[in-house]
């Protein structure tokens, strides 16, 4: 099973995509739990929430900030891995680089 860890001076996140996960340190310590059916159950919940939003004419989207944060985290992880070094988000932002996206393979 795949897993990811994040370490910082204030804590540690161990996220296993099919098993034990926990967050240690900082003001929001989470002792852990088992991750089960992350992808299939998560997709079903997301689709159901999207459907409810449409039929109830709710136009707000409470997941936008989490989606932006997740994307920025992925970019940070990618950049750190490519450079084979530790890197902070502040360092990446200060570089002010434009990331080119190739969408030519996408079809509507």
C-alpha atoms as a PDB file:
ATOM      1  CA  UNK A   1       0.000   0.000   0.000  1.00  0.00           C
ATOM      2  CA  UNK A   2       1.098   3.546  -0.678  1.00  0.00           C
ATOM      3  CA  UNK A   3       1.752   6.015   2.098  1.00  0.00           C
ATOM      4  CA  UNK A   4       3.061   9.520   2.551  1.00  0.00           C
ATOM      5  CA  UNK A   5       4.813  11.224   5.444  1.00  0.00           C
ATOM      6  CA  UNK A   6       5.324  14.895   6.155  1.00  0.00           C
ATOM      7  CA  UNK A   7       7.691  16.068   8.854  1.00  0.00           C
ATOM      8  CA  UNK A   8       8.115  19.563  10.213  1.00  0.00           C
ATOM      9  CA  UNK A   9       9.527  21.048  13.421  1.00  0.00           C
ATOM     10  CA  UNK A  10       6.038  20.962  14.964  1.00  0.00           C
ATOM     11  CA  UNK A  11       4.922  17.463  14.068  1.00  0.00           C
ATOM     12  CA  UNK A  12       4.619  14.433  11.839  1.00  0.00           C
ATOM     13  CA  UNK A  13       1.871  13.209   9.501  1.00  0.00           C
ATOM     14  CA  UNK A  14       1.825   9.531   8.528  1.00  0.00           C
ATOM     15  CA  UNK A  15      -0.920   8.919   5.982  1.00  0.00           C
ATOM     16  CA  UNK A  16      -1.337   5.359   4.782  1.00  0.00           C
ATOM     17  CA  UNK A  17      -3.822   5.020   1.913  1.00  0.00           C
ATOM     18  CA  UNK A  18      -5.012   1.675   3.194  1.00  0.00           C
ATOM     19  CA  UNK A  19      -4.104   1.264   6.850  1.00  0.00           C
ATOM     20  CA  UNK A  20      -3.057   3.220   9.931  1.00  0.00           C
ATOM     21  CA  UNK A  21      -2.792   7.018   9.698  1.00  0.00           C
ATOM     22  CA  UNK A  22      -1.963   9.587  12.371  1.00  0.00           C
ATOM     23  CA  UNK A  23      -0.898  13.180  13.031  1.00  0.00           C
ATOM     24  CA  UNK A  24       1.440  13.903  15.931  1.00  0.00           C
ATOM     25  CA  UNK A  25       2.455  17.269  17.330  1.00  0.00           C
ATOM     26  CA  UNK A  26       1.020  20.740  17.219  1.00  0.00           C
ATOM     27  CA  UNK A  27      -2.304  21.920  18.634  1.00  0.00           C
ATOM     28  CA  UNK A  28      -4.435  19.479  16.582  1.00  0.00           C
ATOM     29  CA  UNK A  29      -2.946  16.107  17.483  1.00  0.00           C
ATOM     30  CA  UNK A  30      -4.866  13.179  15.953  1.00  0.00           C
ATOM     31  CA  UNK A  31      -4.127   9.804  17.451  1.00  0.00           C
ATOM     32  CA  UNK A  32      -4.888   7.908  14.305  1.00  0.00           C
ATOM     33  CA  UNK A  33      -7.250   5.496  12.727  1.00  0.00           C
ATOM     34  CA  UNK A  34      -7.610   2.986   9.944  1.00  0.00           C
ATOM     35  CA  UNK A  35      -8.093   4.199   6.381  1.00  0.00           C
ATOM     36  CA  UNK A  36     -10.452   1.872   4.516  1.00  0.00           C
ATOM     37  CA  UNK A  37     -11.903   2.190   1.015  1.00  0.00           C
ATOM     38  CA  UNK A  38     -10.381   5.648   0.618  1.00  0.00           C
ATOM     39  CA  UNK A  39     -10.886   5.966  -3.116  1.00  0.00           C
ATOM     40  CA  UNK A  40     -14.190   4.210  -3.820  1.00  0.00           C
ATOM     41  CA  UNK A  41     -15.996   5.521  -0.715  1.00  0.00           C
ATOM     42  CA  UNK A  42     -14.501   8.983  -1.145  1.00  0.00           C
ATOM     43  CA  UNK A  43     -15.612   9.151  -4.768  1.00  0.00           C
ATOM     44  CA  UNK A  44     -19.147   8.073  -3.831  1.00  0.00           C
ATOM     45  CA  UNK A  45     -19.343  10.735  -1.096  1.00  0.00           C
ATOM     46  CA  UNK A  46     -18.052  13.427  -3.467  1.00  0.00           C
ATOM     47  CA  UNK A  47     -20.512  12.502  -6.205  1.00  0.00           C
ATOM     48  CA  UNK A  48     -23.412  12.437  -3.727  1.00  0.00           C
ATOM     49  CA  UNK A  49     -22.431  15.856  -2.326  1.00  0.00           C
ATOM     50  CA  UNK A  50     -22.123  17.284  -5.844  1.00  0.00           C
ATOM     51  CA  UNK A  51     -25.564  15.921  -6.741  1.00  0.00           C
ATOM     52  CA  UNK A  52     -27.126  17.428  -3.581  1.00  0.00           C
ATOM     53  CA  UNK A  53     -25.567  20.796  -4.357  1.00  0.00           C
ATOM     54  CA  UNK A  54     -27.126  20.793  -7.813  1.00  0.00           C
ATOM     55  CA  UNK A  55     -30.632  19.692  -6.812  1.00  0.00           C
ATOM     56  CA  UNK A  56     -30.633  22.101  -3.841  1.00  0.00           C
ATOM     57  CA  UNK A  57     -29.305  24.985  -5.995  1.00  0.00           C
ATOM     58  CA  UNK A  58     -26.343  25.524  -3.665  1.00  0.00           C
ATOM     59  CA  UNK A  59     -23.616  27.370  -5.511  1.00  0.00           C
ATOM     60  CA  UNK A  60     -21.076  27.600  -2.698  1.00  0.00           C
ATOM     61  CA  UNK A  61     -18.104  25.282  -2.763  1.00  0.00           C
ATOM     62  CA  UNK A  62     -16.521  24.616   0.601  1.00  0.00           C
ATOM     63  CA  UNK A  63     -13.802  22.432  -0.895  1.00  0.00           C
ATOM     64  CA  UNK A  64     -12.091  25.106  -2.979  1.00  0.00           C
ATOM     65  CA  UNK A  65      -9.577  26.093  -0.295  1.00  0.00           C
ATOM     66  CA  UNK A  66      -8.702  22.450   0.404  1.00  0.00           C
ATOM     67  CA  UNK A  67      -8.296  21.814  -3.334  1.00  0.00           C
ATOM     68  CA  UNK A  68      -5.954  24.804  -3.684  1.00  0.00           C
ATOM     69  CA  UNK A  69      -3.986  23.741  -0.596  1.00  0.00           C
ATOM     70  CA  UNK A  70      -3.731  20.182  -1.914  1.00  0.00           C
ATOM     71  CA  UNK A  71      -2.514  21.359  -5.303  1.00  0.00           C
ATOM     72  CA  UNK A  72       0.095  23.622  -3.734  1.00  0.00           C
ATOM     73  CA  UNK A  73       1.244  20.749  -1.514  1.00  0.00           C
ATOM     74  CA  UNK A  74       1.608  18.517  -4.579  1.00  0.00           C
ATOM     75  CA  UNK A  75       3.637  21.211  -6.352  1.00  0.00           C
ATOM     76  CA  UNK A  76       5.866  21.606  -3.290  1.00  0.00           C
ATOM     77  CA  UNK A  77       6.405  17.846  -3.065  1.00  0.00           C
ATOM     78  CA  UNK A  78       7.166  17.602  -6.777  1.00  0.00           C
ATOM     79  CA  UNK A  79       9.678  20.446  -6.657  1.00  0.00           C
ATOM     80  CA  UNK A  80      11.420  19.059  -3.562  1.00  0.00           C
ATOM     81  CA  UNK A  81      11.646  15.602  -5.155  1.00  0.00           C
ATOM     82  CA  UNK A  82      12.983  16.949  -8.460  1.00  0.00           C
ATOM     83  CA  UNK A  83      15.622  18.981  -6.623  1.00  0.00           C
ATOM     84  CA  UNK A  84      16.351  16.202  -4.123  1.00  0.00           C
ATOM     85  CA  UNK A  85      16.287  18.637  -1.217  1.00  0.00           C
ATOM     86  CA  UNK A  86      14.104  20.056   1.511  1.00  0.00           C
ATOM     87  CA  UNK A  87      12.055  22.986   0.338  1.00  0.00           C
ATOM     88  CA  UNK A  88       9.511  25.362   1.879  1.00  0.00           C
ATOM     89  CA  UNK A  89       6.426  26.810   0.230  1.00  0.00           C
ATOM     90  CA  UNK A  90       7.808  30.302   0.904  1.00  0.00           C
ATOM     91  CA  UNK A  91      10.910  29.427  -1.141  1.00  0.00           C
ATOM     92  CA  UNK A  92       8.812  28.149  -4.049  1.00  0.00           C
ATOM     93  CA  UNK A  93       6.528  31.194  -3.998  1.00  0.00           C
ATOM     94  CA  UNK A  94       9.486  33.611  -3.907  1.00  0.00           C
ATOM     95  CA  UNK A  95      10.815  32.061  -7.134  1.00  0.00           C
ATOM     96  CA  UNK A  96       7.637  33.254  -8.893  1.00  0.00           C
ATOM     97  CA  UNK A  97       8.042  30.606 -11.611  1.00  0.00           C
ATOM     98  CA  UNK A  98       5.290  29.935 -14.098  1.00  0.00           C
ATOM     99  CA  UNK A  99       4.354  26.267 -14.395  1.00  0.00           C
ATOM    100  CA  UNK A 100       3.391  25.350 -17.939  1.00  0.00           C
ATOM    101  CA  UNK A 101       0.532  22.863 -18.282  1.00  0.00           C
ATOM    102  CA  UNK A 102       0.140  20.667 -21.354  1.00  0.00           C
ATOM    103  CA  UNK A 103      -3.587  19.992 -21.833  1.00  0.00           C
ATOM    104  CA  UNK A 104      -3.284  18.902 -25.454  1.00  0.00           C
ATOM    105  CA  UNK A 105      -4.232  15.290 -24.637  1.00  0.00           C
ATOM    106  CA  UNK A 106      -7.516  16.200 -22.958  1.00  0.00           C
ATOM    107  CA  UNK A 107     -10.745  15.687 -24.880  1.00  0.00           C
ATOM    108  CA  UNK A 108     -14.134  17.224 -24.243  1.00  0.00           C
END
